[in-house]
Amino acid sequence: MTIDRGKVRWQCRRSLLELDLVLARFLEREFDRLDDGQLADFEDLLCSDDYDLWAFINGSKPCEVARWQKIIAQINQC
């Protein structure tokens, strides 16, 4: 199954300004380098509630999903 990168980019538009800023940097710097597996993991991560997603990214809530942890680390490096 091929993932629509445009759809994933659109899903990065969130209701929290903090998420918008962090995800915009990630899209700009790393998004095009994601392989299909990483892209699928990122798309799944984006299904999280905005407040949970922000907590995962800022480290206030541990992410229990191991396959998301690498993407979260990449986001934080941006």
PDB file of N, CA and C in Angstrom:
ATOM      1  N   MET A   1       0.837  -1.177   0.000  1.00  0.00           N
ATOM      2  CA  MET A   1       0.000   0.000   0.000  1.00  0.00           C
ATOM      3  C   MET A   1       0.886   1.246   0.000  1.00  0.00           C
ATOM      4  N   THR A   2       0.604   2.160  -0.874  1.00  0.00           N
ATOM      5  CA  THR A   2       1.351   3.401  -0.961  1.00  0.00           C
ATOM      6  C   THR A   2       0.650   4.475  -0.135  1.00  0.00           C
ATOM      7  N   ILE A   3       1.435   5.167   0.668  1.00  0.00           N
ATOM      8  CA  ILE A   3       0.892   6.228   1.515  1.00  0.00           C
ATOM      9  C   ILE A   3       1.001   7.551   0.773  1.00  0.00           C
ATOM     10  N   ASP A   4      -0.053   8.310   0.805  1.00  0.00           N
ATOM     11  CA  ASP A   4      -0.115   9.613   0.152  1.00  0.00           C
ATOM     12  C   ASP A   4       0.613  10.636   1.034  1.00  0.00           C
ATOM     13  N   ARG A   5       1.788  11.069   0.602  1.00  0.00           N
ATOM     14  CA  ARG A   5       2.588  12.016   1.390  1.00  0.00           C
ATOM     15  C   ARG A   5       1.859  13.356   1.560  1.00  0.00           C
ATOM     16  N   GLY A   6       1.094  13.752   0.561  1.00  0.00           N
ATOM     17  CA  GLY A   6       0.333  14.986   0.674  1.00  0.00           C
ATOM     18  C   GLY A   6      -0.699  14.913   1.790  1.00  0.00           C
ATOM     19  N   LYS A   7      -1.344  13.762   1.920  1.00  0.00           N
ATOM     20  CA  LYS A   7      -2.328  13.557   2.979  1.00  0.00           C
ATOM     21  C   LYS A   7      -1.653  13.619   4.342  1.00  0.00           C
ATOM     22  N   VAL A   8      -0.488  13.002   4.454  1.00  0.00           N
ATOM     23  CA  VAL A   8       0.237  13.012   5.726  1.00  0.00           C
ATOM     24  C   VAL A   8       0.669  14.439   6.069  1.00  0.00           C
ATOM     25  N   ARG A   9       1.140  15.177   5.072  1.00  0.00           N
ATOM     26  CA  ARG A   9       1.496  16.590   5.307  1.00  0.00           C
ATOM     27  C   ARG A   9       0.281  17.355   5.833  1.00  0.00           C
ATOM     28  N   TRP A  10      -0.872  17.129   5.254  1.00  0.00           N
ATOM     29  CA  TRP A  10      -2.082  17.810   5.679  1.00  0.00           C
ATOM     30  C   TRP A  10      -2.431  17.444   7.120  1.00  0.00           C
ATOM     31  N   GLN A  11      -2.209  16.184   7.505  1.00  0.00           N
ATOM     32  CA  GLN A  11      -2.504  15.736   8.864  1.00  0.00           C
ATOM     33  C   GLN A  11      -1.591  16.399   9.898  1.00  0.00           C
ATOM     34  N   CYS A  12      -0.493  16.993   9.458  1.00  0.00           N
ATOM     35  CA  CYS A  12       0.419  17.696  10.364  1.00  0.00           C
ATOM     36  C   CYS A  12      -0.129  19.044  10.797  1.00  0.00           C
ATOM     37  N   ARG A  13      -1.168  19.506  10.166  1.00  0.00           N
ATOM     38  CA  ARG A  13      -1.808  20.762  10.566  1.00  0.00           C
ATOM     39  C   ARG A  13      -2.692  20.457  11.769  1.00  0.00           C
ATOM     40  N   ARG A  14      -2.296  20.981  12.908  1.00  0.00           N
ATOM     41  CA  ARG A  14      -2.961  20.638  14.156  1.00  0.00           C
ATOM     42  C   ARG A  14      -3.610  21.858  14.790  1.00  0.00           C
ATOM     43  N   SER A  15      -4.375  21.635  15.842  1.00  0.00           N
ATOM     44  CA  SER A  15      -5.046  22.739  16.522  1.00  0.00           C
ATOM     45  C   SER A  15      -4.168  23.400  17.579  1.00  0.00           C
ATOM     46  N   LEU A  16      -3.058  22.791  17.926  1.00  0.00           N
ATOM     47  CA  LEU A  16      -2.126  23.392  18.886  1.00  0.00           C
ATOM     48  C   LEU A  16      -0.983  24.071  18.135  1.00  0.00           C
ATOM     49  N   LEU A  17      -0.768  25.323  18.421  1.00  0.00           N
ATOM     50  CA  LEU A  17       0.302  26.069  17.766  1.00  0.00           C
ATOM     51  C   LEU A  17       1.656  25.401  17.968  1.00  0.00           C
ATOM     52  N   GLU A  18       1.905  24.897  19.167  1.00  0.00           N
ATOM     53  CA  GLU A  18       3.179  24.247  19.455  1.00  0.00           C
ATOM     54  C   GLU A  18       3.426  23.071  18.510  1.00  0.00           C
ATOM     55  N   LEU A  19       2.401  22.286  18.298  1.00  0.00           N
ATOM     56  CA  LEU A  19       2.516  21.148  17.376  1.00  0.00           C
ATOM     57  C   LEU A  19       2.734  21.629  15.949  1.00  0.00           C
ATOM     58  N   ASP A  20       1.996  22.633  15.545  1.00  0.00           N
ATOM     59  CA  ASP A  20       2.166  23.170  14.191  1.00  0.00           C
ATOM     60  C   ASP A  20       3.611  23.593  13.958  1.00  0.00           C
ATOM     61  N   LEU A  21       4.198  24.285  14.916  1.00  0.00           N
ATOM     62  CA  LEU A  21       5.569  24.766  14.765  1.00  0.00           C
ATOM     63  C   LEU A  21       6.573  23.624  14.696  1.00  0.00           C
ATOM     64  N   VAL A  22       6.442  22.674  15.600  1.00  0.00           N
ATOM     65  CA  VAL A  22       7.378  21.545  15.648  1.00  0.00           C
ATOM     66  C   VAL A  22       7.232  20.673  14.406  1.00  0.00           C
ATOM     67  N   LEU A  23       6.006  20.375  14.036  1.00  0.00           N
ATOM     68  CA  LEU A  23       5.788  19.508  12.878  1.00  0.00           C
ATOM     69  C   LEU A  23       6.166  20.205  11.574  1.00  0.00           C
ATOM     70  N   ALA A  24       5.987  21.513  11.504  1.00  0.00           N
ATOM     71  CA  ALA A  24       6.405  22.250  10.300  1.00  0.00           C
ATOM     72  C   ALA A  24       7.913  22.139  10.103  1.00  0.00           C
ATOM     73  N   ARG A  25       8.681  22.255  11.185  1.00  0.00           N
ATOM     74  CA  ARG A  25      10.145  22.096  11.082  1.00  0.00           C
ATOM     75  C   ARG A  25      10.505  20.678  10.647  1.00  0.00           C
ATOM     76  N   PHE A  26       9.807  19.699  11.214  1.00  0.00           N
ATOM     77  CA  PHE A  26      10.062  18.300  10.847  1.00  0.00           C
ATOM     78  C   PHE A  26       9.756  18.072   9.371  1.00  0.00           C
ATOM     79  N   LEU A  27       8.639  18.598   8.899  1.00  0.00           N
ATOM     80  CA  LEU A  27       8.278  18.449   7.494  1.00  0.00           C
ATOM     81  C   LEU A  27       9.341  19.065   6.596  1.00  0.00           C
ATOM     82  N   GLU A  28       9.824  20.203   6.993  1.00  0.00           N
ATOM     83  CA  GLU A  28      10.803  20.931   6.199  1.00  0.00           C
ATOM     84  C   GLU A  28      12.157  20.206   6.148  1.00  0.00           C
ATOM     85  N   ARG A  29      12.552  19.611   7.267  1.00  0.00           N
ATOM     86  CA  ARG A  29      13.911  19.072   7.374  1.00  0.00           C
ATOM     87  C   ARG A  29      14.034  17.570   7.159  1.00  0.00           C
ATOM     88  N   GLU A  30      13.023  16.807   7.542  1.00  0.00           N
ATOM     89  CA  GLU A  30      13.177  15.342   7.563  1.00  0.00           C
ATOM     90  C   GLU A  30      12.134  14.557   6.781  1.00  0.00           C
ATOM     91  N   PHE A  31      10.986  15.132   6.542  1.00  0.00           N
ATOM     92  CA  PHE A  31       9.855  14.376   5.999  1.00  0.00           C
ATOM     93  C   PHE A  31      10.193  13.646   4.699  1.00  0.00           C
ATOM     94  N   ASP A  32      10.849  14.320   3.786  1.00  0.00           N
ATOM     95  CA  ASP A  32      11.138  13.712   2.487  1.00  0.00           C
ATOM     96  C   ASP A  32      12.147  12.570   2.578  1.00  0.00           C
ATOM     97  N   ARG A  33      12.817  12.446   3.700  1.00  0.00           N
ATOM     98  CA  ARG A  33      13.800  11.364   3.906  1.00  0.00           C
ATOM     99  C   ARG A  33      13.198  10.102   4.502  1.00  0.00           C
ATOM    100  N   LEU A  34      11.947  10.162   4.926  1.00  0.00           N
ATOM    101  CA  LEU A  34      11.314   8.994   5.546  1.00  0.00           C
ATOM    102  C   LEU A  34      11.089   7.907   4.519  1.00  0.00           C
ATOM    103  N   ASP A  35      11.430   6.675   4.901  1.00  0.00           N
ATOM    104  CA  ASP A  35      11.118   5.547   4.022  1.00  0.00           C
ATOM    105  C   ASP A  35       9.653   5.147   4.263  1.00  0.00           C
ATOM    106  N   ASP A  36       9.176   4.165   3.525  1.00  0.00           N
ATOM    107  CA  ASP A  36       7.757   3.793   3.606  1.00  0.00           C
ATOM    108  C   ASP A  36       7.347   3.341   5.009  1.00  0.00           C
ATOM    109  N   GLY A  37       8.213   2.591   5.682  1.00  0.00           N
ATOM    110  CA  GLY A  37       7.913   2.127   7.035  1.00  0.00           C
ATOM    111  C   GLY A  37       7.844   3.277   8.022  1.00  0.00           C
ATOM    112  N   GLN A  38       8.797   4.181   7.935  1.00  0.00           N
ATOM    113  CA  GLN A  38       8.805   5.351   8.812  1.00  0.00           C
ATOM    114  C   GLN A  38       7.596   6.239   8.531  1.00  0.00           C
ATOM    115  N   LEU A  39       7.261   6.379   7.264  1.00  0.00           N
ATOM    116  CA  LEU A  39       6.103   7.188   6.889  1.00  0.00           C
ATOM    117  C   LEU A  39       4.825   6.589   7.471  1.00  0.00           C
ATOM    118  N   ALA A  40       4.694   5.272   7.418  1.00  0.00           N
ATOM    119  CA  ALA A  40       3.520   4.602   7.990  1.00  0.00           C
ATOM    120  C   ALA A  40       3.457   4.821   9.504  1.00  0.00           C
ATOM    121  N   ASP A  41       4.606   4.713  10.170  1.00  0.00           N
ATOM    122  CA  ASP A  41       4.645   4.951  11.616  1.00  0.00           C
ATOM    123  C   ASP A  41       4.276   6.391  11.940  1.00  0.00           C
ATOM    124  N   PHE A  42       4.768   7.334  11.153  1.00  0.00           N
ATOM    125  CA  PHE A  42       4.467   8.743  11.357  1.00  0.00           C
ATOM    126  C   PHE A  42       2.973   9.001  11.156  1.00  0.00           C
ATOM    127  N   GLU A  43       2.411   8.407  10.121  1.00  0.00           N
ATOM    128  CA  GLU A  43       0.978   8.580   9.874  1.00  0.00           C
ATOM    129  C   GLU A  43       0.163   8.031  11.051  1.00  0.00           C
ATOM    130  N   ASP A  44       0.559   6.877  11.577  1.00  0.00           N
ATOM    131  CA  ASP A  44      -0.139   6.313  12.739  1.00  0.00           C
ATOM    132  C   ASP A  44      -0.008   7.227  13.959  1.00  0.00           C
ATOM    133  N   LEU A  45       1.194   7.757  14.169  1.00  0.00           N
ATOM    134  CA  LEU A  45       1.424   8.674  15.287  1.00  0.00           C
ATOM    135  C   LEU A  45       0.508   9.889  15.189  1.00  0.00           C
ATOM    136  N   LEU A  46       0.317  10.386  13.981  1.00  0.00           N
ATOM    137  CA  LEU A  46      -0.524  11.566  13.783  1.00  0.00           C
ATOM    138  C   LEU A  46      -1.999  11.309  14.082  1.00  0.00           C
ATOM    139  N   CYS A  47      -2.386  10.063  14.251  1.00  0.00           N
ATOM    140  CA  CYS A  47      -3.762   9.737  14.632  1.00  0.00           C
ATOM    141  C   CYS A  47      -4.005   9.984  16.119  1.00  0.00           C
ATOM    142  N   SER A  48      -2.933  10.259  16.845  1.00  0.00           N
ATOM    143  CA  SER A  48      -3.047  10.541  18.277  1.00  0.00           C
ATOM    144  C   SER A  48      -3.754  11.874  18.500  1.00  0.00           C
ATOM    145  N   ASP A  49      -4.388  11.974  19.632  1.00  0.00           N
ATOM    146  CA  ASP A  49      -4.986  13.232  20.073  1.00  0.00           C
ATOM    147  C   ASP A  49      -3.892  14.299  20.168  1.00  0.00           C
ATOM    148  N   ASP A  50      -4.220  15.538  19.850  1.00  0.00           N
ATOM    149  CA  ASP A  50      -3.230  16.616  19.861  1.00  0.00           C
ATOM    150  C   ASP A  50      -2.505  16.730  21.197  1.00  0.00           C
ATOM    151  N   TYR A  51      -3.229  16.632  22.293  1.00  0.00           N
ATOM    152  CA  TYR A  51      -2.601  16.796  23.602  1.00  0.00           C
ATOM    153  C   TYR A  51      -1.686  15.619  23.929  1.00  0.00           C
ATOM    154  N   ASP A  52      -2.071  14.415  23.541  1.00  0.00           N
ATOM    155  CA  ASP A  52      -1.189  13.263  23.725  1.00  0.00           C
ATOM    156  C   ASP A  52       0.043  13.392  22.839  1.00  0.00           C
ATOM    157  N   LEU A  53      -0.163  13.770  21.591  1.00  0.00           N
ATOM    158  CA  LEU A  53       0.952  13.927  20.667  1.00  0.00           C
ATOM    159  C   LEU A  53       1.943  14.960  21.190  1.00  0.00           C
ATOM    160  N   TRP A  54       1.435  16.093  21.667  1.00  0.00           N
ATOM    161  CA  TRP A  54       2.312  17.124  22.210  1.00  0.00           C
ATOM    162  C   TRP A  54       3.060  16.604  23.441  1.00  0.00           C
ATOM    163  N   ALA A  55       2.374  15.855  24.279  1.00  0.00           N
ATOM    164  CA  ALA A  55       3.016  15.286  25.476  1.00  0.00           C
ATOM    165  C   ALA A  55       4.115  14.289  25.091  1.00  0.00           C
ATOM    166  N   PHE A  56       3.885  13.491  24.065  1.00  0.00           N
ATOM    167  CA  PHE A  56       4.921  12.562  23.596  1.00  0.00           C
ATOM    168  C   PHE A  56       6.143  13.346  23.112  1.00  0.00           C
ATOM    169  N   ILE A  57       5.893  14.392  22.353  1.00  0.00           N
ATOM    170  CA  ILE A  57       6.980  15.161  21.749  1.00  0.00           C
ATOM    171  C   ILE A  57       7.756  15.953  22.796  1.00  0.00           C
ATOM    172  N   ASN A  58       7.053  16.564  23.745  1.00  0.00           N
ATOM    173  CA  ASN A  58       7.763  17.372  24.742  1.00  0.00           C
ATOM    174  C   ASN A  58       8.276  16.544  25.920  1.00  0.00           C
ATOM    175  N   GLY A  59       7.953  15.258  25.928  1.00  0.00           N
ATOM    176  CA  GLY A  59       8.490  14.359  26.942  1.00  0.00           C
ATOM    177  C   GLY A  59       7.739  14.334  28.256  1.00  0.00           C
ATOM    178  N   SER A  60       6.603  14.992  28.335  1.00  0.00           N
ATOM    179  CA  SER A  60       5.845  14.984  29.584  1.00  0.00           C
ATOM    180  C   SER A  60       5.023  13.704  29.769  1.00  0.00           C
ATOM    181  N   LYS A  61       4.901  12.932  28.703  1.00  0.00           N
ATOM    182  CA  LYS A  61       4.189  11.651  28.758  1.00  0.00           C
ATOM    183  C   LYS A  61       4.995  10.652  27.935  1.00  0.00           C
ATOM    184  N   PRO A  62       5.351   9.524  28.529  1.00  0.00           N
ATOM    185  CA  PRO A  62       6.117   8.542  27.749  1.00  0.00           C
ATOM    186  C   PRO A  62       5.261   7.902  26.662  1.00  0.00           C
ATOM    187  N   CYS A  63       5.872   7.694  25.531  1.00  0.00           N
ATOM    188  CA  CYS A  63       5.191   7.014  24.426  1.00  0.00           C
ATOM    189  C   CYS A  63       5.415   5.517  24.591  1.00  0.00           C
ATOM    190  N   GLU A  64       4.349   4.786  24.716  1.00  0.00           N
ATOM    191  CA  GLU A  64       4.420   3.343  24.929  1.00  0.00           C
ATOM    192  C   GLU A  64       4.577   2.555  23.627  1.00  0.00           C
ATOM    193  N   VAL A  65       4.351   3.197  22.498  1.00  0.00           N
ATOM    194  CA  VAL A  65       4.425   2.509  21.205  1.00  0.00           C
ATOM    195  C   VAL A  65       5.862   2.612  20.693  1.00  0.00           C
ATOM    196  N   ALA A  66       6.556   1.505  20.722  1.00  0.00           N
ATOM    197  CA  ALA A  66       7.987   1.488  20.396  1.00  0.00           C
ATOM    198  C   ALA A  66       8.277   2.016  18.995  1.00  0.00           C
ATOM    199  N   ARG A  67       7.437   1.698  18.026  1.00  0.00           N
ATOM    200  CA  ARG A  67       7.718   2.115  16.652  1.00  0.00           C
ATOM    201  C   ARG A  67       7.537   3.617  16.440  1.00  0.00           C
ATOM    202  N   TRP A  68       6.859   4.292  17.356  1.00  0.00           N
ATOM    203  CA  TRP A  68       6.707   5.740  17.272  1.00  0.00           C
ATOM    204  C   TRP A  68       7.889   6.474  17.897  1.00  0.00           C
ATOM    205  N   GLN A  69       8.605   5.819  18.777  1.00  0.00           N
ATOM    206  CA  GLN A  69       9.658   6.479  19.545  1.00  0.00           C
ATOM    207  C   GLN A  69      10.769   7.032  18.655  1.00  0.00           C
ATOM    208  N   LYS A  70      11.130   6.323  17.606  1.00  0.00           N
ATOM    209  CA  LYS A  70      12.180   6.803  16.702  1.00  0.00           C
ATOM    210  C   LYS A  70      11.714   8.057  15.961  1.00  0.00           C
ATOM    211  N   ILE A  71      10.463   8.059  15.516  1.00  0.00           N
ATOM    212  CA  ILE A  71       9.925   9.240  14.826  1.00  0.00           C
ATOM    213  C   ILE A  71       9.870  10.425  15.787  1.00  0.00           C
ATOM    214  N   ILE A  72       9.455  10.189  17.012  1.00  0.00           N
ATOM    215  CA  ILE A  72       9.409  11.262  18.008  1.00  0.00           C
ATOM    216  C   ILE A  72      10.818  11.817  18.243  1.00  0.00           C
ATOM    217  N   ALA A  73      11.800  10.943  18.307  1.00  0.00           N
ATOM    218  CA  ALA A  73      13.189  11.389  18.478  1.00  0.00           C
ATOM    219  C   ALA A  73      13.629  12.240  17.275  1.00  0.00           C
ATOM    220  N   GLN A  74      13.234  11.833  16.083  1.00  0.00           N
ATOM    221  CA  GLN A  74      13.571  12.614  14.882  1.00  0.00           C
ATOM    222  C   GLN A  74      12.900  13.988  14.923  1.00  0.00           C
ATOM    223  N   ILE A  75      11.666  14.023  15.356  1.00  0.00           N
ATOM    224  CA  ILE A  75      10.947  15.290  15.460  1.00  0.00           C
ATOM    225  C   ILE A  75      11.669  16.206  16.447  1.00  0.00           C
ATOM    226  N   ASN A  76      12.088  15.644  17.564  1.00  0.00           N
ATOM    227  CA  ASN A  76      12.766  16.442  18.589  1.00  0.00           C
ATOM    228  C   ASN A  76      14.142  16.923  18.154  1.00  0.00           C
ATOM    229  N   GLN A  77      14.763  16.270  17.206  1.00  0.00           N
ATOM    230  CA  GLN A  77      16.065  16.706  16.711  1.00  0.00           C
ATOM    231  C   GLN A  77      15.957  17.914  15.791  1.00  0.00           C
ATOM    232  N   CYS A  78      14.763  18.193  15.331  1.00  0.00           N
ATOM    233  CA  CYS A  78      14.556  19.342  14.440  1.00  0.00           C
ATOM    234  C   CYS A  78      14.448  20.556  15.272  1.00  0.00           C
TER     235      CYS A  78
END
